Amino acid sequence: MISFETDIPDKELLELMELGNEMGFDPLASMESEEYFLKLLEKYAPLGEEKMQAVRKEIEKDFLTFDKPPQWIQGSEWPFFNGKPMYFVGQLDTADNKKAMPCGLCFYVFWDKETGTIETIAQCD
């Protein structure tokens, strides 16, 4: 059995996972993702019950999409650049063209607005 530990408190992790389902991210998908959420939670630590409302607003400000959130085939792999989530530009799904691809392949395109850095994630079913 593989064991995974996180410093994100259970209650906050559950709320982040629910929000991630809405917005297309996973707070534990990578070390960069976990670090981002830990820093965010520490920033709002003194707010008590209002904490998650403030955290949600900041997440909505940081996890930007051109149109709609990514529809991941396997699981969220939202990339980060300089500690922040990259801007989701869109996805190209090849599932409609089975002649060209033997499996459902999807390309997810992300962009860092400050540097122009582009990252593409590929997933297949």
N, C-alpha and C. Protein backbone atom coordinates (compact mmCIF):
# COMPACT_ATOMS: atom_id res chain seq x y z
N MET A 1 0.84 -1.18 0.00
CA MET A 1 0.00 0.00 0.00
C MET A 1 0.89 1.24 0.00
N ILE A 2 0.57 2.18 -0.88
CA ILE A 2 1.31 3.43 -0.95
C ILE A 2 0.69 4.42 0.01
N SER A 3 1.53 5.03 0.80
CA SER A 3 1.08 6.02 1.77
C SER A 3 1.52 7.40 1.32
N PHE A 4 0.61 8.36 1.41
CA PHE A 4 0.94 9.72 1.05
C PHE A 4 0.56 10.62 2.20
N GLU A 5 1.49 11.48 2.59
CA GLU A 5 1.23 12.40 3.68
C GLU A 5 1.29 13.82 3.15
N THR A 6 0.46 14.66 3.72
CA THR A 6 0.46 16.07 3.37
C THR A 6 0.35 16.89 4.64
N ASP A 7 0.87 18.10 4.58
CA ASP A 7 0.75 19.02 5.71
C ASP A 7 -0.54 19.84 5.65
N ILE A 8 -1.30 19.67 4.57
CA ILE A 8 -2.58 20.38 4.47
C ILE A 8 -3.55 19.71 5.45
N PRO A 9 -4.12 20.48 6.38
CA PRO A 9 -5.06 19.90 7.35
C PRO A 9 -6.25 19.23 6.66
N ASP A 10 -6.75 18.15 7.25
CA ASP A 10 -7.81 17.34 6.65
C ASP A 10 -9.04 18.15 6.24
N LYS A 11 -9.51 19.02 7.12
CA LYS A 11 -10.73 19.79 6.81
C LYS A 11 -10.51 20.69 5.60
N GLU A 12 -9.38 21.39 5.57
CA GLU A 12 -9.08 22.27 4.44
C GLU A 12 -8.84 21.46 3.17
N LEU A 13 -8.18 20.29 3.31
CA LEU A 13 -7.92 19.45 2.15
C LEU A 13 -9.23 19.00 1.51
N LEU A 14 -10.19 18.60 2.32
CA LEU A 14 -11.48 18.17 1.80
C LEU A 14 -12.15 19.31 1.03
N GLU A 15 -12.12 20.51 1.58
CA GLU A 15 -12.72 21.67 0.91
C GLU A 15 -11.96 22.01 -0.38
N LEU A 16 -10.63 21.91 -0.35
CA LEU A 16 -9.84 22.17 -1.56
C LEU A 16 -10.11 21.13 -2.64
N MET A 17 -10.29 19.87 -2.24
CA MET A 17 -10.58 18.81 -3.21
C MET A 17 -11.94 19.06 -3.87
N GLU A 18 -12.92 19.50 -3.09
CA GLU A 18 -14.24 19.81 -3.65
C GLU A 18 -14.14 20.98 -4.63
N LEU A 19 -13.43 22.02 -4.24
CA LEU A 19 -13.24 23.17 -5.12
C LEU A 19 -12.45 22.76 -6.36
N GLY A 20 -11.47 21.90 -6.19
CA GLY A 20 -10.68 21.41 -7.31
C GLY A 20 -11.52 20.65 -8.32
N ASN A 21 -12.50 19.90 -7.84
CA ASN A 21 -13.40 19.20 -8.76
C ASN A 21 -14.17 20.18 -9.64
N GLU A 22 -14.54 21.31 -9.09
CA GLU A 22 -15.24 22.36 -9.84
C GLU A 22 -14.33 23.02 -10.87
N MET A 23 -13.10 23.31 -10.44
CA MET A 23 -12.22 24.16 -11.23
C MET A 23 -11.14 23.42 -12.02
N GLY A 24 -11.00 22.13 -11.82
CA GLY A 24 -10.06 21.34 -12.60
C GLY A 24 -8.65 21.23 -12.05
N PHE A 25 -8.48 21.43 -10.74
CA PHE A 25 -7.16 21.26 -10.14
C PHE A 25 -7.20 20.22 -9.04
N ASP A 26 -6.03 19.73 -8.66
CA ASP A 26 -5.89 18.79 -7.54
C ASP A 26 -4.80 19.37 -6.63
N PRO A 27 -5.13 19.70 -5.40
CA PRO A 27 -4.13 20.32 -4.52
C PRO A 27 -2.93 19.42 -4.22
N LEU A 28 -3.06 18.12 -4.48
CA LEU A 28 -1.97 17.18 -4.20
C LEU A 28 -1.37 16.59 -5.48
N ALA A 29 -1.66 17.17 -6.63
CA ALA A 29 -1.20 16.61 -7.91
C ALA A 29 0.31 16.69 -8.08
N SER A 30 0.94 17.67 -7.45
CA SER A 30 2.39 17.83 -7.58
C SER A 30 2.91 18.54 -6.33
N MET A 31 4.22 18.54 -6.18
CA MET A 31 4.82 19.25 -5.05
C MET A 31 4.54 20.75 -5.17
N GLU A 32 4.58 21.27 -6.41
CA GLU A 32 4.32 22.70 -6.63
C GLU A 32 2.89 23.05 -6.23
N SER A 33 1.96 22.17 -6.57
CA SER A 33 0.57 22.41 -6.22
C SER A 33 0.38 22.41 -4.70
N GLU A 34 0.93 21.41 -4.03
CA GLU A 34 0.81 21.34 -2.57
C GLU A 34 1.44 22.55 -1.90
N GLU A 35 2.61 22.97 -2.38
CA GLU A 35 3.28 24.15 -1.82
C GLU A 35 2.44 25.40 -1.99
N TYR A 36 1.83 25.56 -3.17
CA TYR A 36 0.97 26.72 -3.42
C TYR A 36 -0.16 26.77 -2.40
N PHE A 37 -0.84 25.64 -2.19
CA PHE A 37 -1.98 25.61 -1.28
C PHE A 37 -1.56 25.74 0.18
N LEU A 38 -0.43 25.19 0.55
CA LEU A 38 0.06 25.37 1.92
C LEU A 38 0.35 26.85 2.21
N LYS A 39 1.01 27.52 1.27
CA LYS A 39 1.30 28.95 1.45
C LYS A 39 0.02 29.76 1.52
N LEU A 40 -0.94 29.42 0.69
CA LEU A 40 -2.21 30.12 0.68
C LEU A 40 -2.95 29.94 2.01
N LEU A 41 -2.98 28.72 2.53
CA LEU A 41 -3.65 28.47 3.80
C LEU A 41 -2.94 29.17 4.95
N GLU A 42 -1.60 29.21 4.92
CA GLU A 42 -0.84 29.91 5.97
C GLU A 42 -1.14 31.40 5.94
N LYS A 43 -1.28 31.95 4.75
CA LYS A 43 -1.56 33.38 4.58
C LYS A 43 -2.87 33.79 5.24
N TYR A 44 -3.86 32.89 5.20
CA TYR A 44 -5.17 33.21 5.74
C TYR A 44 -5.45 32.52 7.07
N ALA A 45 -4.43 32.00 7.71
CA ALA A 45 -4.60 31.25 8.96
C ALA A 45 -5.35 32.00 10.05
N PRO A 46 -5.13 33.30 10.25
CA PRO A 46 -5.83 33.95 11.37
C PRO A 46 -7.31 34.24 11.13
N LEU A 47 -7.84 33.96 9.94
CA LEU A 47 -9.22 34.34 9.65
C LEU A 47 -10.28 33.39 10.20
N GLY A 48 -9.89 32.24 10.69
CA GLY A 48 -10.87 31.31 11.25
C GLY A 48 -11.85 30.81 10.21
N GLU A 49 -13.17 30.94 10.49
CA GLU A 49 -14.19 30.39 9.59
C GLU A 49 -14.25 31.12 8.25
N GLU A 50 -13.83 32.37 8.22
CA GLU A 50 -13.83 33.13 6.98
C GLU A 50 -12.66 32.72 6.07
N LYS A 51 -11.79 31.93 6.61
CA LYS A 51 -10.56 31.53 5.92
C LYS A 51 -10.82 30.93 4.55
N MET A 52 -11.70 29.94 4.46
CA MET A 52 -11.92 29.25 3.20
C MET A 52 -12.60 30.15 2.17
N GLN A 53 -13.40 31.11 2.60
CA GLN A 53 -13.99 32.05 1.66
C GLN A 53 -12.91 32.92 1.03
N ALA A 54 -11.97 33.37 1.84
CA ALA A 54 -10.86 34.18 1.34
C ALA A 54 -9.94 33.34 0.46
N VAL A 55 -9.69 32.11 0.86
CA VAL A 55 -8.86 31.19 0.08
C VAL A 55 -9.51 30.94 -1.27
N ARG A 56 -10.81 30.70 -1.27
CA ARG A 56 -11.54 30.45 -2.52
C ARG A 56 -11.42 31.63 -3.48
N LYS A 57 -11.57 32.84 -2.97
CA LYS A 57 -11.45 34.03 -3.82
C LYS A 57 -10.07 34.12 -4.46
N GLU A 58 -9.05 33.83 -3.68
CA GLU A 58 -7.69 33.89 -4.23
C GLU A 58 -7.45 32.78 -5.25
N ILE A 59 -7.98 31.61 -4.99
CA ILE A 59 -7.85 30.50 -5.95
C ILE A 59 -8.55 30.87 -7.25
N GLU A 60 -9.74 31.43 -7.16
CA GLU A 60 -10.46 31.84 -8.37
C GLU A 60 -9.69 32.91 -9.14
N LYS A 61 -8.95 33.74 -8.44
CA LYS A 61 -8.13 34.77 -9.08
C LYS A 61 -6.89 34.16 -9.75
N ASP A 62 -6.34 33.10 -9.16
CA ASP A 62 -5.10 32.50 -9.65
C ASP A 62 -5.30 31.41 -10.71
N PHE A 63 -6.36 30.61 -10.59
CA PHE A 63 -6.60 29.52 -11.53
C PHE A 63 -7.49 30.04 -12.66
N LEU A 64 -6.86 30.71 -13.61
CA LEU A 64 -7.60 31.35 -14.70
C LEU A 64 -7.70 30.44 -15.91
N THR A 65 -8.82 30.57 -16.60
CA THR A 65 -9.04 29.81 -17.83
C THR A 65 -9.55 30.75 -18.91
N PHE A 66 -9.22 30.45 -20.15
CA PHE A 66 -9.69 31.24 -21.27
C PHE A 66 -11.20 31.09 -21.43
N ASP A 67 -11.68 29.88 -21.31
CA ASP A 67 -13.11 29.63 -21.50
C ASP A 67 -13.66 28.82 -20.33
N LYS A 68 -13.29 27.54 -20.27
CA LYS A 68 -13.79 26.67 -19.20
C LYS A 68 -12.63 25.85 -18.65
N PRO A 69 -12.79 25.26 -17.48
CA PRO A 69 -11.70 24.47 -16.87
C PRO A 69 -11.34 23.25 -17.71
N PRO A 70 -10.13 22.74 -17.55
CA PRO A 70 -9.74 21.54 -18.29
C PRO A 70 -10.60 20.34 -17.89
N GLN A 71 -10.88 19.51 -18.87
CA GLN A 71 -11.60 18.25 -18.63
C GLN A 71 -10.56 17.14 -18.71
N TRP A 72 -9.93 16.85 -17.59
CA TRP A 72 -8.82 15.91 -17.54
C TRP A 72 -9.29 14.49 -17.83
N ILE A 73 -8.49 13.74 -18.59
CA ILE A 73 -8.77 12.34 -18.88
C ILE A 73 -8.34 11.48 -17.69
N GLN A 74 -7.14 11.72 -17.18
CA GLN A 74 -6.58 10.87 -16.13
C GLN A 74 -6.64 11.50 -14.75
N GLY A 75 -6.42 12.76 -14.66
CA GLY A 75 -6.37 13.46 -13.39
C GLY A 75 -5.65 14.77 -13.59
N SER A 76 -5.90 15.71 -12.72
CA SER A 76 -5.34 17.05 -12.88
C SER A 76 -3.81 17.03 -12.86
N GLU A 77 -3.24 17.74 -13.82
CA GLU A 77 -1.80 17.96 -13.87
C GLU A 77 -1.53 19.45 -14.09
N TRP A 78 -2.35 20.30 -13.50
CA TRP A 78 -2.25 21.75 -13.71
C TRP A 78 -0.84 22.21 -13.39
N PRO A 79 -0.13 22.78 -14.37
CA PRO A 79 1.25 23.20 -14.13
C PRO A 79 1.34 24.54 -13.41
N PHE A 80 2.45 24.72 -12.73
CA PHE A 80 2.74 25.96 -12.01
C PHE A 80 4.02 26.55 -12.57
N PHE A 81 4.12 27.86 -12.53
CA PHE A 81 5.33 28.55 -12.97
C PHE A 81 5.63 29.64 -11.96
N ASN A 82 6.83 29.62 -11.41
CA ASN A 82 7.21 30.58 -10.36
C ASN A 82 6.22 30.60 -9.20
N GLY A 83 5.75 29.41 -8.82
CA GLY A 83 4.89 29.28 -7.65
C GLY A 83 3.42 29.57 -7.87
N LYS A 84 3.03 29.92 -9.10
CA LYS A 84 1.63 30.25 -9.38
C LYS A 84 1.09 29.32 -10.46
N PRO A 85 -0.22 29.05 -10.42
CA PRO A 85 -0.81 28.23 -11.48
C PRO A 85 -0.73 28.97 -12.83
N MET A 86 -0.45 28.22 -13.88
CA MET A 86 -0.41 28.82 -15.21
C MET A 86 -1.85 29.02 -15.72
N TYR A 87 -2.01 29.91 -16.67
CA TYR A 87 -3.30 30.23 -17.28
C TYR A 87 -3.67 29.11 -18.26
N PHE A 88 -4.88 28.55 -18.10
CA PHE A 88 -5.33 27.48 -18.98
C PHE A 88 -5.92 28.09 -20.24
N VAL A 89 -5.26 27.82 -21.37
CA VAL A 89 -5.68 28.37 -22.66
C VAL A 89 -6.78 27.52 -23.28
N GLY A 90 -6.60 26.20 -23.27
CA GLY A 90 -7.60 25.31 -23.85
C GLY A 90 -7.05 23.92 -24.06
N GLN A 91 -7.88 23.07 -24.65
CA GLN A 91 -7.47 21.70 -24.88
C GLN A 91 -7.88 21.25 -26.27
N LEU A 92 -7.09 20.35 -26.80
CA LEU A 92 -7.35 19.75 -28.10
C LEU A 92 -7.58 18.27 -27.86
N ASP A 93 -8.80 17.82 -28.14
CA ASP A 93 -9.18 16.43 -27.89
C ASP A 93 -9.23 15.69 -29.22
N THR A 94 -8.45 14.62 -29.35
CA THR A 94 -8.39 13.86 -30.60
C THR A 94 -9.36 12.69 -30.61
N ALA A 95 -10.18 12.54 -29.59
CA ALA A 95 -11.08 11.38 -29.50
C ALA A 95 -12.05 11.32 -30.67
N ASP A 96 -12.37 12.46 -31.27
CA ASP A 96 -13.31 12.49 -32.39
C ASP A 96 -12.70 11.96 -33.68
N ASN A 97 -11.37 11.88 -33.74
CA ASN A 97 -10.69 11.45 -34.95
C ASN A 97 -9.94 10.14 -34.68
N LYS A 98 -10.68 9.04 -34.61
CA LYS A 98 -10.09 7.73 -34.29
C LYS A 98 -9.19 7.21 -35.42
N LYS A 99 -9.34 7.74 -36.64
CA LYS A 99 -8.48 7.31 -37.74
C LYS A 99 -7.03 7.74 -37.50
N ALA A 100 -6.86 8.94 -36.95
CA ALA A 100 -5.52 9.48 -36.74
C ALA A 100 -4.88 8.96 -35.45
N MET A 101 -5.69 8.70 -34.44
CA MET A 101 -5.17 8.28 -33.14
C MET A 101 -5.86 7.01 -32.68
N PRO A 102 -5.10 6.00 -32.25
CA PRO A 102 -5.71 4.75 -31.81
C PRO A 102 -6.38 4.85 -30.44
N CYS A 103 -6.07 5.89 -29.69
CA CYS A 103 -6.69 6.08 -28.37
C CYS A 103 -7.12 7.53 -28.25
N GLY A 104 -7.92 7.81 -27.23
CA GLY A 104 -8.31 9.19 -26.97
C GLY A 104 -7.13 9.95 -26.40
N LEU A 105 -6.62 10.90 -27.13
CA LEU A 105 -5.47 11.70 -26.71
C LEU A 105 -5.92 13.15 -26.59
N CYS A 106 -5.50 13.79 -25.53
CA CYS A 106 -5.89 15.18 -25.31
C CYS A 106 -4.67 16.00 -24.94
N PHE A 107 -4.55 17.17 -25.55
CA PHE A 107 -3.47 18.10 -25.25
C PHE A 107 -4.06 19.29 -24.50
N TYR A 108 -3.45 19.64 -23.38
CA TYR A 108 -3.89 20.75 -22.54
C TYR A 108 -2.81 21.83 -22.63
N VAL A 109 -3.20 23.03 -23.00
CA VAL A 109 -2.23 24.11 -23.22
C VAL A 109 -2.36 25.15 -22.10
N PHE A 110 -1.21 25.46 -21.49
CA PHE A 110 -1.13 26.44 -20.41
C PHE A 110 -0.11 27.51 -20.78
N TRP A 111 -0.29 28.70 -20.21
CA TRP A 111 0.54 29.85 -20.57
C TRP A 111 0.80 30.69 -19.33
N ASP A 112 2.02 31.17 -19.21
CA ASP A 112 2.35 32.14 -18.16
C ASP A 112 2.30 33.52 -18.79
N LYS A 113 1.37 34.34 -18.34
CA LYS A 113 1.15 35.66 -18.95
C LYS A 113 2.34 36.59 -18.80
N GLU A 114 3.08 36.46 -17.71
CA GLU A 114 4.21 37.37 -17.47
C GLU A 114 5.41 37.08 -18.36
N THR A 115 5.72 35.80 -18.58
CA THR A 115 6.93 35.45 -19.32
C THR A 115 6.66 34.92 -20.72
N GLY A 116 5.41 34.57 -21.01
CA GLY A 116 5.08 33.98 -22.29
C GLY A 116 5.40 32.50 -22.38
N THR A 117 5.82 31.90 -21.28
CA THR A 117 6.14 30.47 -21.24
C THR A 117 4.87 29.66 -21.51
N ILE A 118 5.00 28.66 -22.37
CA ILE A 118 3.87 27.78 -22.70
C ILE A 118 4.23 26.36 -22.28
N GLU A 119 3.26 25.67 -21.70
CA GLU A 119 3.45 24.27 -21.34
C GLU A 119 2.25 23.48 -21.85
N THR A 120 2.55 22.34 -22.43
CA THR A 120 1.51 21.46 -22.94
C THR A 120 1.57 20.13 -22.18
N ILE A 121 0.43 19.70 -21.71
CA ILE A 121 0.29 18.42 -21.01
C ILE A 121 -0.49 17.50 -21.95
N ALA A 122 -0.04 16.27 -22.10
CA ALA A 122 -0.76 15.29 -22.92
C ALA A 122 -1.24 14.14 -22.03
N GLN A 123 -2.47 13.73 -22.23
CA GLN A 123 -3.02 12.57 -21.52
C GLN A 123 -3.80 11.72 -22.52
N CYS A 124 -3.80 10.42 -22.29
CA CYS A 124 -4.60 9.54 -23.14
C CYS A 124 -5.37 8.56 -22.27
N ASP A 125 -6.46 8.04 -22.87
CA ASP A 125 -7.28 7.08 -22.11
C ASP A 125 -6.83 5.67 -22.35
